[in-house]
Amino acid sequence: MSTKLVKFVDRLPVVETLKPVKKGKKSTYYEVRMEEFIQKLHRDLKLTTLWGYNRQFPKPTIDCNQGELVRVKWENNLHDKHMIPVDTSIFHGDHIPNLGSPTFRP
């Protein structure tokens, strides 16, 4: 039996603007951590395990100016074990890729 969730009952999350680690005349430097955390996504849902940046969902914002050089260090603090089972039978030959926590690295 499915239950419909009531819309618009939770406050809209305020997205944090990241503070730079260093700000110079030529560039601004940020550090962003990818981490697992638990958060409630709707008042009528249980706590949910999420992967996000700086323990936030939605993700934080980097506020910069046009033409500003921005450097970001992306730090993967996710655990090595993937939270979803991976079907290794789809891989051919002897090569099976690293099945740890996948991340996007821009």
PDB file of N, CA and C in Angstrom:
ATOM      1  N   MET A   1       0.843  -1.188   0.000  1.00  0.00           N
ATOM      2  CA  MET A   1       0.000   0.000   0.000  1.00  0.00           C
ATOM      3  C   MET A   1       0.887   1.250   0.000  1.00  0.00           C
ATOM      4  N   SER A   2       0.672   2.127  -0.945  1.00  0.00           N
ATOM      5  CA  SER A   2       1.489   3.336  -1.005  1.00  0.00           C
ATOM      6  C   SER A   2       0.738   4.486  -0.338  1.00  0.00           C
ATOM      7  N   THR A   3       1.510   5.345   0.282  1.00  0.00           N
ATOM      8  CA  THR A   3       0.956   6.517   0.944  1.00  0.00           C
ATOM      9  C   THR A   3       1.448   7.754   0.214  1.00  0.00           C
ATOM     10  N   LYS A   4       0.538   8.661  -0.085  1.00  0.00           N
ATOM     11  CA  LYS A   4       0.937   9.903  -0.737  1.00  0.00           C
ATOM     12  C   LYS A   4       1.447  10.872   0.313  1.00  0.00           C
ATOM     13  N   LEU A   5       2.543  11.544  -0.037  1.00  0.00           N
ATOM     14  CA  LEU A   5       3.097  12.550   0.852  1.00  0.00           C
ATOM     15  C   LEU A   5       2.425  13.894   0.593  1.00  0.00           C
ATOM     16  N   VAL A   6       2.143  14.608   1.666  1.00  0.00           N
ATOM     17  CA  VAL A   6       1.560  15.936   1.549  1.00  0.00           C
ATOM     18  C   VAL A   6       2.655  16.897   1.104  1.00  0.00           C
ATOM     19  N   LYS A   7       2.366  17.667   0.064  1.00  0.00           N
ATOM     20  CA  LYS A   7       3.352  18.612  -0.473  1.00  0.00           C
ATOM     21  C   LYS A   7       3.453  19.871   0.388  1.00  0.00           C
ATOM     22  N   PHE A   8       4.623  20.479   0.329  1.00  0.00           N
ATOM     23  CA  PHE A   8       4.865  21.810   0.880  1.00  0.00           C
ATOM     24  C   PHE A   8       4.623  21.926   2.387  1.00  0.00           C
ATOM     25  N   VAL A   9       4.896  20.852   3.151  1.00  0.00           N
ATOM     26  CA  VAL A   9       4.708  20.908   4.600  1.00  0.00           C
ATOM     27  C   VAL A   9       6.010  21.186   5.338  1.00  0.00           C
ATOM     28  N   ASP A  10       7.136  21.016   4.655  1.00  0.00           N
ATOM     29  CA  ASP A  10       8.440  21.267   5.267  1.00  0.00           C
ATOM     30  C   ASP A  10       9.000  22.578   4.728  1.00  0.00           C
ATOM     31  N   ARG A  11       9.780  23.240   5.565  1.00  0.00           N
ATOM     32  CA  ARG A  11      10.456  24.456   5.111  1.00  0.00           C
ATOM     33  C   ARG A  11      11.456  24.097   4.022  1.00  0.00           C
ATOM     34  N   LEU A  12      11.619  24.980   3.061  1.00  0.00           N
ATOM     35  CA  LEU A  12      12.608  24.795   2.014  1.00  0.00           C
ATOM     36  C   LEU A  12      13.992  24.912   2.647  1.00  0.00           C
ATOM     37  N   PRO A  13      14.871  23.912   2.409  1.00  0.00           N
ATOM     38  CA  PRO A  13      16.206  23.996   3.026  1.00  0.00           C
ATOM     39  C   PRO A  13      16.988  25.193   2.499  1.00  0.00           C
ATOM     40  N   VAL A  14      17.673  25.869   3.397  1.00  0.00           N
ATOM     41  CA  VAL A  14      18.535  26.984   3.016  1.00  0.00           C
ATOM     42  C   VAL A  14      19.896  26.407   2.660  1.00  0.00           C
ATOM     43  N   VAL A  15      20.336  26.654   1.445  1.00  0.00           N
ATOM     44  CA  VAL A  15      21.612  26.130   0.964  1.00  0.00           C
ATOM     45  C   VAL A  15      22.741  26.996   1.510  1.00  0.00           C
ATOM     46  N   GLU A  16      23.711  26.352   2.144  1.00  0.00           N
ATOM     47  CA  GLU A  16      24.852  27.077   2.715  1.00  0.00           C
ATOM     48  C   GLU A  16      25.789  27.551   1.611  1.00  0.00           C
ATOM     49  N   THR A  17      26.290  28.759   1.754  1.00  0.00           N
ATOM     50  CA  THR A  17      27.339  29.261   0.863  1.00  0.00           C
ATOM     51  C   THR A  17      28.670  28.940   1.515  1.00  0.00           C
ATOM     52  N   LEU A  18      29.540  28.238   0.772  1.00  0.00           N
ATOM     53  CA  LEU A  18      30.829  27.842   1.316  1.00  0.00           C
ATOM     54  C   LEU A  18      31.703  29.048   1.607  1.00  0.00           C
ATOM     55  N   LYS A  19      32.449  28.953   2.674  1.00  0.00           N
ATOM     56  CA  LYS A  19      33.443  29.969   3.016  1.00  0.00           C
ATOM     57  C   LYS A  19      34.781  29.491   2.447  1.00  0.00           C
ATOM     58  N   PRO A  20      35.522  30.339   1.763  1.00  0.00           N
ATOM     59  CA  PRO A  20      36.811  29.907   1.215  1.00  0.00           C
ATOM     60  C   PRO A  20      37.825  29.624   2.322  1.00  0.00           C
ATOM     61  N   VAL A  21      38.691  28.641   2.067  1.00  0.00           N
ATOM     62  CA  VAL A  21      39.794  28.352   2.979  1.00  0.00           C
ATOM     63  C   VAL A  21      40.841  29.458   2.855  1.00  0.00           C
ATOM     64  N   LYS A  22      41.088  29.878   1.602  1.00  0.00           N
ATOM     65  CA  LYS A  22      42.033  30.964   1.325  1.00  0.00           C
ATOM     66  C   LYS A  22      41.452  31.857   0.244  1.00  0.00           C
ATOM     67  N   LYS A  23      41.634  33.153   0.396  1.00  0.00           N
ATOM     68  CA  LYS A  23      41.203  34.088  -0.641  1.00  0.00           C
ATOM     69  C   LYS A  23      42.336  35.066  -0.874  1.00  0.00           C
ATOM     70  N   GLY A  24      42.877  35.020  -2.089  1.00  0.00           N
ATOM     71  CA  GLY A  24      43.983  35.914  -2.433  1.00  0.00           C
ATOM     72  C   GLY A  24      43.592  36.844  -3.559  1.00  0.00           C
ATOM     73  N   LYS A  25      44.555  37.609  -4.042  1.00  0.00           N
ATOM     74  CA  LYS A  25      44.298  38.534  -5.148  1.00  0.00           C
ATOM     75  C   LYS A  25      44.090  37.784  -6.456  1.00  0.00           C
ATOM     76  N   LYS A  26      44.747  36.611  -6.593  1.00  0.00           N
ATOM     77  CA  LYS A  26      44.693  35.875  -7.856  1.00  0.00           C
ATOM     78  C   LYS A  26      43.710  34.722  -7.874  1.00  0.00           C
ATOM     79  N   SER A  27      43.380  34.160  -6.696  1.00  0.00           N
ATOM     80  CA  SER A  27      42.478  33.007  -6.698  1.00  0.00           C
ATOM     81  C   SER A  27      41.814  32.819  -5.343  1.00  0.00           C
ATOM     82  N   THR A  28      40.757  32.007  -5.349  1.00  0.00           N
ATOM     83  CA  THR A  28      40.051  31.631  -4.127  1.00  0.00           C
ATOM     84  C   THR A  28      40.072  30.111  -4.041  1.00  0.00           C
ATOM     85  N   TYR A  29      40.346  29.584  -2.839  1.00  0.00           N
ATOM     86  CA  TYR A  29      40.519  28.154  -2.649  1.00  0.00           C
ATOM     87  C   TYR A  29      39.473  27.623  -1.665  1.00  0.00           C
ATOM     88  N   TYR A  30      38.791  26.541  -2.079  1.00  0.00           N
ATOM     89  CA  TYR A  30      37.780  25.890  -1.251  1.00  0.00           C
ATOM     90  C   TYR A  30      38.149  24.428  -1.052  1.00  0.00           C
ATOM     91  N   GLU A  31      37.661  23.843   0.028  1.00  0.00           N
ATOM     92  CA  GLU A  31      37.753  22.401   0.243  1.00  0.00           C
ATOM     93  C   GLU A  31      36.347  21.876   0.465  1.00  0.00           C
ATOM     94  N   VAL A  32      36.010  20.788  -0.264  1.00  0.00           N
ATOM     95  CA  VAL A  32      34.675  20.200  -0.194  1.00  0.00           C
ATOM     96  C   VAL A  32      34.829  18.718   0.116  1.00  0.00           C
ATOM     97  N   ARG A  33      34.130  18.254   1.152  1.00  0.00           N
ATOM     98  CA  ARG A  33      34.190  16.856   1.567  1.00  0.00           C
ATOM     99  C   ARG A  33      32.938  16.105   1.122  1.00  0.00           C
ATOM    100  N   MET A  34      33.136  14.935   0.506  1.00  0.00           N
ATOM    101  CA  MET A  34      32.022  14.048   0.168  1.00  0.00           C
ATOM    102  C   MET A  34      31.839  13.109   1.356  1.00  0.00           C
ATOM    103  N   GLU A  35      30.644  13.106   1.962  1.00  0.00           N
ATOM    104  CA  GLU A  35      30.424  12.344   3.184  1.00  0.00           C
ATOM    105  C   GLU A  35      29.044  11.696   3.193  1.00  0.00           C
ATOM    106  N   GLU A  36      28.949  10.630   3.972  1.00  0.00           N
ATOM    107  CA  GLU A  36      27.656   9.993   4.208  1.00  0.00           C
ATOM    108  C   GLU A  36      27.066  10.606   5.472  1.00  0.00           C
ATOM    109  N   PHE A  37      25.761  10.849   5.457  1.00  0.00           N
ATOM    110  CA  PHE A  37      25.097  11.401   6.628  1.00  0.00           C
ATOM    111  C   PHE A  37      23.631  10.992   6.596  1.00  0.00           C
ATOM    112  N   ILE A  38      22.929  11.283   7.669  1.00  0.00           N
ATOM    113  CA  ILE A  38      21.512  10.921   7.786  1.00  0.00           C
ATOM    114  C   ILE A  38      20.704  12.201   7.912  1.00  0.00           C
ATOM    115  N   GLN A  39      19.605  12.255   7.154  1.00  0.00           N
ATOM    116  CA  GLN A  39      18.771  13.455   7.154  1.00  0.00           C
ATOM    117  C   GLN A  39      17.323  13.064   6.894  1.00  0.00           C
ATOM    118  N   LYS A  40      16.416  13.839   7.415  1.00  0.00           N
ATOM    119  CA  LYS A  40      14.993  13.652   7.144  1.00  0.00           C
ATOM    120  C   LYS A  40      14.643  14.483   5.909  1.00  0.00           C
ATOM    121  N   LEU A  41      14.046  13.857   4.902  1.00  0.00           N
ATOM    122  CA  LEU A  41      13.733  14.555   3.658  1.00  0.00           C
ATOM    123  C   LEU A  41      12.280  15.031   3.592  1.00  0.00           C
ATOM    124  N   HIS A  42      11.443  14.533   4.481  1.00  0.00           N
ATOM    125  CA  HIS A  42      10.034  14.929   4.548  1.00  0.00           C
ATOM    126  C   HIS A  42       9.538  14.572   5.938  1.00  0.00           C
ATOM    127  N   ARG A  43       8.647  15.365   6.473  1.00  0.00           N
ATOM    128  CA  ARG A  43       8.187  15.137   7.855  1.00  0.00           C
ATOM    129  C   ARG A  43       7.588  13.748   8.056  1.00  0.00           C
ATOM    130  N   ASP A  44       7.021  13.155   6.995  1.00  0.00           N
ATOM    131  CA  ASP A  44       6.351  11.859   7.132  1.00  0.00           C
ATOM    132  C   ASP A  44       7.232  10.677   6.724  1.00  0.00           C
ATOM    133  N   LEU A  45       8.504  10.925   6.448  1.00  0.00           N
ATOM    134  CA  LEU A  45       9.430   9.853   6.088  1.00  0.00           C
ATOM    135  C   LEU A  45      10.410   9.607   7.225  1.00  0.00           C
ATOM    136  N   LYS A  46      10.942   8.386   7.255  1.00  0.00           N
ATOM    137  CA  LYS A  46      11.986   8.069   8.226  1.00  0.00           C
ATOM    138  C   LYS A  46      13.273   8.757   7.806  1.00  0.00           C
ATOM    139  N   LEU A  47      14.256   8.738   8.692  1.00  0.00           N
ATOM    140  CA  LEU A  47      15.572   9.272   8.353  1.00  0.00           C
ATOM    141  C   LEU A  47      16.136   8.511   7.163  1.00  0.00           C
ATOM    142  N   THR A  48      16.854   9.203   6.294  1.00  0.00           N
ATOM    143  CA  THR A  48      17.402   8.629   5.067  1.00  0.00           C
ATOM    144  C   THR A  48      18.917   8.796   5.055  1.00  0.00           C
ATOM    145  N   THR A  49      19.629   7.739   4.635  1.00  0.00           N
ATOM    146  CA  THR A  49      21.072   7.825   4.460  1.00  0.00           C
ATOM    147  C   THR A  49      21.344   8.499   3.123  1.00  0.00           C
ATOM    148  N   LEU A  50      22.164   9.535   3.160  1.00  0.00           N
ATOM    149  CA  LEU A  50      22.496  10.294   1.958  1.00  0.00           C
ATOM    150  C   LEU A  50      24.001  10.389   1.791  1.00  0.00           C
ATOM    151  N   TRP A  51      24.431  10.621   0.573  1.00  0.00           N
ATOM    152  CA  TRP A  51      25.808  10.992   0.268  1.00  0.00           C
ATOM    153  C   TRP A  51      25.748  12.421  -0.237  1.00  0.00           C
ATOM    154  N   GLY A  52      26.545  13.277   0.349  1.00  0.00           N
ATOM    155  CA  GLY A  52      26.494  14.670  -0.074  1.00  0.00           C
ATOM    156  C   GLY A  52      27.793  15.389   0.206  1.00  0.00           C
ATOM    157  N   TYR A  53      27.802  16.654  -0.112  1.00  0.00           N
ATOM    158  CA  TYR A  53      28.978  17.493   0.047  1.00  0.00           C
ATOM    159  C   TYR A  53      28.855  18.301   1.331  1.00  0.00           C
ATOM    160  N   ASN A  54      29.878  18.181   2.193  1.00  0.00           N
ATOM    161  CA  ASN A  54      29.908  18.871   3.486  1.00  0.00           C
ATOM    162  C   ASN A  54      28.661  18.562   4.317  1.00  0.00           C
ATOM    163  N   ARG A  55      28.223  17.307   4.235  1.00  0.00           N
ATOM    164  CA  ARG A  55      27.070  16.797   5.006  1.00  0.00           C
ATOM    165  C   ARG A  55      25.813  17.624   4.749  1.00  0.00           C
ATOM    166  N   GLN A  56      25.611  17.985   3.486  1.00  0.00           N
ATOM    167  CA  GLN A  56      24.443  18.802   3.141  1.00  0.00           C
ATOM    168  C   GLN A  56      23.652  18.201   1.999  1.00  0.00           C
ATOM    169  N   PHE A  57      22.358  18.380   2.065  1.00  0.00           N
ATOM    170  CA  PHE A  57      21.468  18.121   0.945  1.00  0.00           C
ATOM    171  C   PHE A  57      20.399  19.197   1.002  1.00  0.00           C
ATOM    172  N   PRO A  58      20.210  19.981  -0.023  1.00  0.00           N
ATOM    173  CA  PRO A  58      20.988  20.005  -1.246  1.00  0.00           C
ATOM    174  C   PRO A  58      22.414  20.493  -0.986  1.00  0.00           C
ATOM    175  N   LYS A  59      23.209  20.421  -2.025  1.00  0.00           N
ATOM    176  CA  LYS A  59      24.641  20.713  -1.894  1.00  0.00           C
ATOM    177  C   LYS A  59      24.897  22.189  -1.596  1.00  0.00           C
ATOM    178  N   PRO A  60      26.083  22.502  -1.052  1.00  0.00           N
ATOM    179  CA  PRO A  60      26.420  23.899  -0.786  1.00  0.00           C
ATOM    180  C   PRO A  60      26.700  24.674  -2.076  1.00  0.00           C
ATOM    181  N   THR A  61      26.713  25.978  -1.953  1.00  0.00           N
ATOM    182  CA  THR A  61      26.935  26.873  -3.085  1.00  0.00           C
ATOM    183  C   THR A  61      28.309  27.511  -2.989  1.00  0.00           C
ATOM    184  N   ILE A  62      28.993  27.643  -4.131  1.00  0.00           N
ATOM    185  CA  ILE A  62      30.227  28.409  -4.202  1.00  0.00           C
ATOM    186  C   ILE A  62      29.871  29.724  -4.884  1.00  0.00           C
ATOM    187  N   ASP A  63      30.025  30.821  -4.164  1.00  0.00           N
ATOM    188  CA  ASP A  63      29.678  32.146  -4.675  1.00  0.00           C
ATOM    189  C   ASP A  63      30.959  32.814  -5.168  1.00  0.00           C
ATOM    190  N   CYS A  64      31.031  33.077  -6.472  1.00  0.00           N
ATOM    191  CA  CYS A  64      32.236  33.697  -7.025  1.00  0.00           C
ATOM    192  C   CYS A  64      31.847  34.695  -8.112  1.00  0.00           C
ATOM    193  N   ASN A  65      32.818  35.478  -8.504  1.00  0.00           N
ATOM    194  CA  ASN A  65      32.600  36.510  -9.513  1.00  0.00           C
ATOM    195  C   ASN A  65      33.081  36.046 -10.877  1.00  0.00           C
ATOM    196  N   GLN A  66      32.501  36.607 -11.925  1.00  0.00           N
ATOM    197  CA  GLN A  66      32.937  36.296 -13.283  1.00  0.00           C
ATOM    198  C   GLN A  66      34.416  36.625 -13.423  1.00  0.00           C
ATOM    199  N   GLY A  67      35.169  35.672 -13.985  1.00  0.00           N
ATOM    200  CA  GLY A  67      36.589  35.864 -14.201  1.00  0.00           C
ATOM    201  C   GLY A  67      37.456  35.503 -13.006  1.00  0.00           C
ATOM    202  N   GLU A  68      36.850  35.233 -11.861  1.00  0.00           N
ATOM    203  CA  GLU A  68      37.612  34.865 -10.665  1.00  0.00           C
ATOM    204  C   GLU A  68      38.138  33.438 -10.803  1.00  0.00           C
ATOM    205  N   LEU A  69      39.404  33.213 -10.486  1.00  0.00           N
ATOM    206  CA  LEU A  69      39.983  31.877 -10.512  1.00  0.00           C
ATOM    207  C   LEU A  69      39.611  31.172  -9.215  1.00  0.00           C
ATOM    208  N   VAL A  70      38.918  30.041  -9.343  1.00  0.00           N
ATOM    209  CA  VAL A  70      38.466  29.284  -8.180  1.00  0.00           C
ATOM    210  C   VAL A  70      39.101  27.901  -8.225  1.00  0.00           C
ATOM    211  N   ARG A  71      39.703  27.512  -7.128  1.00  0.00           N
ATOM    212  CA  ARG A  71      40.281  26.174  -6.999  1.00  0.00           C
ATOM    213  C   ARG A  71      39.516  25.439  -5.906  1.00  0.00           C
ATOM    214  N   VAL A  72      39.197  24.153  -6.185  1.00  0.00           N
ATOM    215  CA  VAL A  72      38.447  23.348  -5.222  1.00  0.00           C
ATOM    216  C   VAL A  72      39.162  22.023  -5.011  1.00  0.00           C
ATOM    217  N   LYS A  73      39.388  21.673  -3.764  1.00  0.00           N
ATOM    218  CA  LYS A  73      39.907  20.348  -3.416  1.00  0.00           C
ATOM    219  C   LYS A  73      38.700  19.495  -3.034  1.00  0.00           C
ATOM    220  N   TRP A  74      38.441  18.431  -3.828  1.00  0.00           N
ATOM    221  CA  TRP A  74      37.337  17.510  -3.565  1.00  0.00           C
ATOM    222  C   TRP A  74      37.901  16.347  -2.749  1.00  0.00           C
ATOM    223  N   GLU A  75      37.432  16.178  -1.530  1.00  0.00           N
ATOM    224  CA  GLU A  75      37.938  15.150  -0.635  1.00  0.00           C
ATOM    225  C   GLU A  75      36.884  14.059  -0.453  1.00  0.00           C
ATOM    226  N   ASN A  76      37.226  12.822  -0.851  1.00  0.00           N
ATOM    227  CA  ASN A  76      36.292  11.705  -0.754  1.00  0.00           C
ATOM    228  C   ASN A  76      36.404  11.070   0.624  1.00  0.00           C
ATOM    229  N   ASN A  77      35.422  11.349   1.474  1.00  0.00           N
ATOM    230  CA  ASN A  77      35.361  10.736   2.808  1.00  0.00           C
ATOM    231  C   ASN A  77      34.299   9.646   2.867  1.00  0.00           C
ATOM    232  N   LEU A  78      33.915   9.120   1.709  1.00  0.00           N
ATOM    233  CA  LEU A  78      32.958   8.014   1.680  1.00  0.00           C
ATOM    234  C   LEU A  78      33.701   6.722   1.986  1.00  0.00           C
ATOM    235  N   HIS A  79      32.987   5.766   2.545  1.00  0.00           N
ATOM    236  CA  HIS A  79      33.611   4.489   2.885  1.00  0.00           C
ATOM    237  C   HIS A  79      33.881   3.669   1.631  1.00  0.00           C
ATOM    238  N   ASP A  80      34.726   2.662   1.747  1.00  0.00           N
ATOM    239  CA  ASP A  80      35.125   1.852   0.596  1.00  0.00           C
ATOM    240  C   ASP A  80      34.036   0.901   0.112  1.00  0.00           C
ATOM    241  N   LYS A  81      33.140   0.486   0.998  1.00  0.00           N
ATOM    242  CA  LYS A  81      32.100  -0.467   0.613  1.00  0.00           C
ATOM    243  C   LYS A  81      30.919   0.278  -0.003  1.00  0.00           C
ATOM    244  N   HIS A  82      30.535  -0.159  -1.183  1.00  0.00           N
ATOM    245  CA  HIS A  82      29.404   0.463  -1.877  1.00  0.00           C
ATOM    246  C   HIS A  82      28.113   0.130  -1.130  1.00  0.00           C
ATOM    247  N   MET A  83      27.220   1.102  -0.970  1.00  0.00           N
ATOM    248  CA  MET A  83      25.985   0.880  -0.212  1.00  0.00           C
ATOM    249  C   MET A  83      24.930   0.101  -0.998  1.00  0.00           C
ATOM    250  N   ILE A  84      25.105  -0.053  -2.310  1.00  0.00           N
ATOM    251  CA  ILE A  84      24.164  -0.788  -3.154  1.00  0.00           C
ATOM    252  C   ILE A  84      24.912  -1.975  -3.756  1.00  0.00           C
ATOM    253  N   PRO A  85      24.327  -3.179  -3.708  1.00  0.00           N
ATOM    254  CA  PRO A  85      25.013  -4.330  -4.306  1.00  0.00           C
ATOM    255  C   PRO A  85      25.301  -4.086  -5.789  1.00  0.00           C
ATOM    256  N   VAL A  86      26.478  -4.508  -6.242  1.00  0.00           N
ATOM    257  CA  VAL A  86      26.886  -4.336  -7.629  1.00  0.00           C
ATOM    258  C   VAL A  86      26.962  -5.694  -8.291  1.00  0.00           C
ATOM    259  N   ASP A  87      26.337  -5.844  -9.458  1.00  0.00           N
ATOM    260  CA  ASP A  87      26.347  -7.098 -10.211  1.00  0.00           C
ATOM    261  C   ASP A  87      27.640  -7.177 -11.013  1.00  0.00           C
ATOM    262  N   THR A  88      28.585  -7.978 -10.535  1.00  0.00           N
ATOM    263  CA  THR A  88      29.877  -8.090 -11.209  1.00  0.00           C
ATOM    264  C   THR A  88      29.822  -9.015 -12.421  1.00  0.00           C
ATOM    265  N   SER A  89      28.712  -9.705 -12.639  1.00  0.00           N
ATOM    266  CA  SER A  89      28.619 -10.632 -13.779  1.00  0.00           C
ATOM    267  C   SER A  89      28.558  -9.890 -15.112  1.00  0.00           C
ATOM    268  N   ILE A  90      28.323  -8.589 -15.087  1.00  0.00           N
ATOM    269  CA  ILE A  90      28.229  -7.834 -16.345  1.00  0.00           C
ATOM    270  C   ILE A  90      29.597  -7.437 -16.888  1.00  0.00           C
ATOM    271  N   PHE A  91      30.653  -7.632 -16.097  1.00  0.00           N
ATOM    272  CA  PHE A  91      31.997  -7.275 -16.543  1.00  0.00           C
ATOM    273  C   PHE A  91      32.608  -8.434 -17.314  1.00  0.00           C
ATOM    274  N   HIS A  92      33.317  -8.132 -18.396  1.00  0.00           N
ATOM    275  CA  HIS A  92      33.904  -9.156 -19.248  1.00  0.00           C
ATOM    276  C   HIS A  92      35.398  -9.286 -18.990  1.00  0.00           C
ATOM    277  N   GLY A  93      35.918 -10.482 -19.112  1.00  0.00           N
ATOM    278  CA  GLY A  93      37.354 -10.706 -18.959  1.00  0.00           C
ATOM    279  C   GLY A  93      37.776 -10.644 -17.508  1.00  0.00           C
ATOM    280  N   ASP A  94      39.054 -10.411 -17.315  1.00  0.00           N
ATOM    281  CA  ASP A  94      39.616 -10.401 -15.969  1.00  0.00           C
ATOM    282  C   ASP A  94      39.476  -9.055 -15.262  1.00  0.00           C
ATOM    283  N   HIS A  95      39.076  -8.035 -16.017  1.00  0.00           N
ATOM    284  CA  HIS A  95      39.036  -6.699 -15.422  1.00  0.00           C
ATOM    285  C   HIS A  95      37.690  -6.446 -14.735  1.00  0.00           C
ATOM    286  N   ILE A  96      37.735  -6.308 -13.421  1.00  0.00           N
ATOM    287  CA  ILE A  96      36.560  -5.879 -12.656  1.00  0.00           C
ATOM    288  C   ILE A  96      36.974  -4.565 -12.001  1.00  0.00           C
ATOM    289  N   PRO A  97      36.265  -3.480 -12.310  1.00  0.00           N
ATOM    290  CA  PRO A  97      36.670  -2.169 -11.792  1.00  0.00           C
ATOM    291  C   PRO A  97      36.552  -2.098 -10.271  1.00  0.00           C
ATOM    292  N   ASN A  98      37.202  -1.091  -9.687  1.00  0.00           N
ATOM    293  CA  ASN A  98      37.088  -0.831  -8.258  1.00  0.00           C
ATOM    294  C   ASN A  98      35.618  -0.601  -7.929  1.00  0.00           C
ATOM    295  N   LEU A  99      35.076  -1.382  -7.021  1.00  0.00           N
ATOM    296  CA  LEU A  99      33.651  -1.284  -6.709  1.00  0.00           C
ATOM    297  C   LEU A  99      33.403  -0.525  -5.412  1.00  0.00           C
ATOM    298  N   GLY A 100      34.353   0.311  -5.032  1.00  0.00           N
ATOM    299  CA  GLY A 100      34.156   1.146  -3.854  1.00  0.00           C
ATOM    300  C   GLY A 100      33.123   2.220  -4.134  1.00  0.00           C
ATOM    301  N   SER A 101      33.052   3.199  -3.281  1.00  0.00           N
ATOM    302  CA  SER A 101      32.073   4.270  -3.424  1.00  0.00           C
ATOM    303  C   SER A 101      32.375   5.116  -4.645  1.00  0.00           C
ATOM    304  N   PRO A 102      31.498   5.111  -5.661  1.00  0.00           N
ATOM    305  CA  PRO A 102      31.764   5.913  -6.845  1.00  0.00           C
ATOM    306  C   PRO A 102      31.528   7.389  -6.558  1.00  0.00           C
ATOM    307  N   THR A 103      32.355   8.227  -7.133  1.00  0.00           N
ATOM    308  CA  THR A 103      32.181   9.660  -6.945  1.00  0.00           C
ATOM    309  C   THR A 103      32.421  10.365  -8.255  1.00  0.00           C
ATOM    310  N   PHE A 104      31.861  11.525  -8.356  1.00  0.00           N
ATOM    311  CA  PHE A 104      32.073  12.360  -9.531  1.00  0.00           C
ATOM    312  C   PHE A 104      33.159  13.365  -9.172  1.00  0.00           C
ATOM    313  N   ARG A 105      34.193  13.430  -9.967  1.00  0.00           N
ATOM    314  CA  ARG A 105      35.280  14.374  -9.738  1.00  0.00           C
ATOM    315  C   ARG A 105      35.368  15.298 -10.949  1.00  0.00           C
ATOM    316  N   PRO A 106      34.893  16.540 -10.790  1.00  0.00           N
ATOM    317  CA  PRO A 106      34.919  17.479 -11.917  1.00  0.00           C
ATOM    318  C   PRO A 106      36.326  17.835 -12.341  1.00  0.00           C
TER     319      PRO A 106
END
